C-alpha atoms as a PDB file:
ATOM      1  CA  UNK A   1      95.530  93.544 113.579  1.00  0.00           C
ATOM      2  CA  UNK A   2      96.057  89.840 112.900  1.00  0.00           C
ATOM      3  CA  UNK A   3      92.377  89.070 112.320  1.00  0.00           C
ATOM      4  CA  UNK A   4      91.943  92.268 110.299  1.00  0.00           C
ATOM      5  CA  UNK A   5      94.785  91.345 107.899  1.00  0.00           C
ATOM      6  CA  UNK A   6      93.641  87.740 107.583  1.00  0.00           C
ATOM      7  CA  UNK A   7      90.051  88.813 106.854  1.00  0.00           C
ATOM      8  CA  UNK A   8      91.266  91.444 104.369  1.00  0.00           C
ATOM      9  CA  UNK A   9      93.256  88.858 102.425  1.00  0.00           C
ATOM     10  CA  UNK A  10      90.547  86.179 102.598  1.00  0.00           C
ATOM     11  CA  UNK A  11      88.044  88.621 101.090  1.00  0.00           C
ATOM     12  CA  UNK A  12      90.401  89.546  98.246  1.00  0.00           C
ATOM     13  CA  UNK A  13      92.388  86.492  97.124  1.00  0.00           C
ATOM     14  CA  UNK A  14      91.194  83.131  95.751  1.00  0.00           C
ATOM     15  CA  UNK A  15      93.439  80.927  97.914  1.00  0.00           C
ATOM     16  CA  UNK A  16      93.671  79.920 101.609  1.00  0.00           C
ATOM     17  CA  UNK A  17      95.155  82.407 104.080  1.00  0.00           C
ATOM     18  CA  UNK A  18      96.107  81.780 107.709  1.00  0.00           C
ATOM     19  CA  UNK A  19      97.821  83.552 110.549  1.00  0.00           C
ATOM     20  CA  UNK A  20     100.373  80.921 111.521  1.00  0.00           C
ATOM     21  CA  UNK A  21     100.069  77.562 109.814  1.00  0.00           C
ATOM     22  CA  UNK A  22      97.385  75.924 107.715  1.00  0.00           C
ATOM     23  CA  UNK A  23      96.014  72.427 108.094  1.00  0.00           C
ATOM     24  CA  UNK A  24      98.171  69.824 106.379  1.00  0.00           C
ATOM     25  CA  UNK A  25      95.496  69.250 103.712  1.00  0.00           C
ATOM     26  CA  UNK A  26      95.631  72.795 102.325  1.00  0.00           C
ATOM     27  CA  UNK A  27      96.310  72.910  98.603  1.00  0.00           C
ATOM     28  CA  UNK A  28      98.687  75.336  96.923  1.00  0.00           C
ATOM     29  CA  UNK A  29      98.834  78.196  96.401  1.00  0.00           C
ATOM     30  CA  UNK A  30      98.308  79.479  99.919  1.00  0.00           C
ATOM     31  CA  UNK A  31      99.579  82.199 102.237  1.00  0.00           C
ATOM     32  CA  UNK A  32     100.651  82.135 105.877  1.00  0.00           C
ATOM     33  CA  UNK A  33     101.500  85.155 108.023  1.00  0.00           C
ATOM     34  CA  UNK A  34     103.776  85.555 111.047  1.00  0.00           C
ATOM     35  CA  UNK A  35     104.770  88.434 113.304  1.00  0.00           C
ATOM     36  CA  UNK A  36     108.521  89.071 113.261  1.00  0.00           C
ATOM     37  CA  UNK A  37     108.622  91.962 115.714  1.00  0.00           C
ATOM     38  CA  UNK A  38     106.502  94.585 117.373  1.00  0.00           C
ATOM     39  CA  UNK A  39     106.978  97.308 119.933  1.00  0.00           C
ATOM     40  CA  UNK A  40     104.514  99.865 121.242  1.00  0.00           C
ATOM     41  CA  UNK A  41     105.614 103.477 121.051  1.00  0.00           C
ATOM     42  CA  UNK A  42     105.162 105.491 124.258  1.00  0.00           C
ATOM     43  CA  UNK A  43     104.863 109.170 125.017  1.00  0.00           C
ATOM     44  CA  UNK A  44     104.043 111.229 128.102  1.00  0.00           C
ATOM     45  CA  UNK A  45     100.376 110.706 127.168  1.00  0.00           C
ATOM     46  CA  UNK A  46     100.687 106.899 127.321  1.00  0.00           C
ATOM     47  CA  UNK A  47     100.912 104.117 124.749  1.00  0.00           C
ATOM     48  CA  UNK A  48     100.869 104.988 121.075  1.00  0.00           C
ATOM     49  CA  UNK A  49     100.802 102.860 117.948  1.00  0.00           C
ATOM     50  CA  UNK A  50     102.734  99.624 117.627  1.00  0.00           C
ATOM     51  CA  UNK A  51     105.501  99.456 115.046  1.00  0.00           C
ATOM     52  CA  UNK A  52     106.725  96.113 113.832  1.00  0.00           C
ATOM     53  CA  UNK A  53     107.282  93.734 110.971  1.00  0.00           C
ATOM     54  CA  UNK A  54     105.249  90.852 109.634  1.00  0.00           C
ATOM     55  CA  UNK A  55     106.233  88.151 107.182  1.00  0.00           C
ATOM     56  CA  UNK A  56     103.758  86.899 104.594  1.00  0.00           C
ATOM     57  CA  UNK A  57     104.814  83.623 102.960  1.00  0.00           C
ATOM     58  CA  UNK A  58     103.263  82.779  99.591  1.00  0.00           C
ATOM     59  CA  UNK A  59     103.554  79.085  98.710  1.00  0.00           C
ATOM     60  CA  UNK A  60     103.042  77.376  95.358  1.00  0.00           C
ATOM     61  CA  UNK A  61     103.812  74.102  93.605  1.00  0.00           C
ATOM     62  CA  UNK A  62     105.876  76.097  91.094  1.00  0.00           C
ATOM     63  CA  UNK A  63     107.750  79.384  91.361  1.00  0.00           C
ATOM     64  CA  UNK A  64     105.196  80.977  89.007  1.00  0.00           C
ATOM     65  CA  UNK A  65     102.327  79.877  91.264  1.00  0.00           C
ATOM     66  CA  UNK A  66     104.081  81.244  94.366  1.00  0.00           C
ATOM     67  CA  UNK A  67     104.872  84.485  92.504  1.00  0.00           C
ATOM     68  CA  UNK A  68     101.226  84.877  91.481  1.00  0.00           C
ATOM     69  CA  UNK A  69     100.111  84.541  95.101  1.00  0.00           C
ATOM     70  CA  UNK A  70     102.852  86.929  96.280  1.00  0.00           C
ATOM     71  CA  UNK A  71     101.853  89.479  93.618  1.00  0.00           C
ATOM     72  CA  UNK A  72      98.215  89.373  94.778  1.00  0.00           C
ATOM     73  CA  UNK A  73      99.282  89.922  98.398  1.00  0.00           C
ATOM     74  CA  UNK A  74     101.703  92.693  97.484  1.00  0.00           C
ATOM     75  CA  UNK A  75      99.090  94.564  95.439  1.00  0.00           C
ATOM     76  CA  UNK A  76      96.725  94.515  98.406  1.00  0.00           C
ATOM     77  CA  UNK A  77      99.042  95.168 101.357  1.00  0.00           C
ATOM     78  CA  UNK A  78     101.860  97.434 100.142  1.00  0.00           C
ATOM     79  CA  UNK A  79     100.844 100.966 101.124  1.00  0.00           C
ATOM     80  CA  UNK A  80      97.666  99.735 102.840  1.00  0.00           C
ATOM     81  CA  UNK A  81      96.001 101.674 105.639  1.00  0.00           C
ATOM     82  CA  UNK A  82      92.626 100.954 107.166  1.00  0.00           C
ATOM     83  CA  UNK A  83      91.071  99.419 110.262  1.00  0.00           C
ATOM     84  CA  UNK A  84      93.778  99.226 112.933  1.00  0.00           C
ATOM     85  CA  UNK A  85      96.556  99.539 110.315  1.00  0.00           C
ATOM     86  CA  UNK A  86      97.944 103.064 110.004  1.00  0.00           C
ATOM     87  CA  UNK A  87     100.459 102.073 107.338  1.00  0.00           C
ATOM     88  CA  UNK A  88     102.034  98.967 105.861  1.00  0.00           C
ATOM     89  CA  UNK A  89     104.968  98.949 103.424  1.00  0.00           C
ATOM     90  CA  UNK A  90     107.128  96.272 101.803  1.00  0.00           C
ATOM     91  CA  UNK A  91     110.583  96.036 103.400  1.00  0.00           C
ATOM     92  CA  UNK A  92     112.113  92.964 101.791  1.00  0.00           C
ATOM     93  CA  UNK A  93     111.467  89.958  99.552  1.00  0.00           C
ATOM     94  CA  UNK A  94     113.084  86.558  99.900  1.00  0.00           C
ATOM     95  CA  UNK A  95     112.720  83.426  97.741  1.00  0.00           C
ATOM     96  CA  UNK A  96     113.077  79.881  98.995  1.00  0.00           C
ATOM     97  CA  UNK A  97     111.741  76.382  98.831  1.00  0.00           C
ATOM     98  CA  UNK A  98     110.429  73.937 101.387  1.00  0.00           C
ATOM     99  CA  UNK A  99     111.748  70.443 100.782  1.00  0.00           C
ATOM    100  CA  UNK A 100     111.434  67.016 102.278  1.00  0.00           C
ATOM    101  CA  UNK A 101     113.746  66.782 105.270  1.00  0.00           C
ATOM    102  CA  UNK A 102     116.979  64.973 104.467  1.00  0.00           C
ATOM    103  CA  UNK A 103     116.389  64.961 100.698  1.00  0.00           C
ATOM    104  CA  UNK A 104     116.794  67.354  97.807  1.00  0.00           C
ATOM    105  CA  UNK A 105     113.113  67.023  96.861  1.00  0.00           C
ATOM    106  CA  UNK A 106     111.420  70.414  96.679  1.00  0.00           C
ATOM    107  CA  UNK A 107     107.813  70.203  97.806  1.00  0.00           C
ATOM    108  CA  UNK A 108     106.778  73.864  97.546  1.00  0.00           C
ATOM    109  CA  UNK A 109     108.249  77.121  96.308  1.00  0.00           C
ATOM    110  CA  UNK A 110     108.032  80.032  98.769  1.00  0.00           C
ATOM    111  CA  UNK A 111     108.230  83.787  98.386  1.00  0.00           C
ATOM    112  CA  UNK A 112     108.460  85.693 101.661  1.00  0.00           C
ATOM    113  CA  UNK A 113     107.270  89.292 101.763  1.00  0.00           C
ATOM    114  CA  UNK A 114     108.394  91.238 104.822  1.00  0.00           C
ATOM    115  CA  UNK A 115     106.369  94.338 105.666  1.00  0.00           C
ATOM    116  CA  UNK A 116     106.923  97.174 108.122  1.00  0.00           C
ATOM    117  CA  UNK A 117     103.625  97.918 109.804  1.00  0.00           C
ATOM    118  CA  UNK A 118     102.266 100.565 112.156  1.00  0.00           C
ATOM    119  CA  UNK A 119      98.974  99.733 113.874  1.00  0.00           C
ATOM    120  CA  UNK A 120      96.871 100.525 116.906  1.00  0.00           C
ATOM    121  CA  UNK A 121      95.544  97.916 119.270  1.00  0.00           C
END
């Protein structure tokens, strides 16, 4: 699922995408993805699909740049099904900023998109 989503985004958006973190030299905008939760469903027939949540963080030098990246991700992933993904839907949105530690300097704006996802392994 991780590689599928990363490849899907890389083929569709004009900025860097990574599962986890990017190299420190990556320019903005960019997107990073992280698993928040996941649990396989079970029945008497054995394991079923996994249900969980992933967070997609869109970063930009300005809020507008971060919003543009988040909009591109949202248009592609909200309601998506294909490959191992049976369904993926937006759960929540959160804004924030990453700043220099110990200062009030904002380095990057961030928009976090949290998706519920059902997928098969």
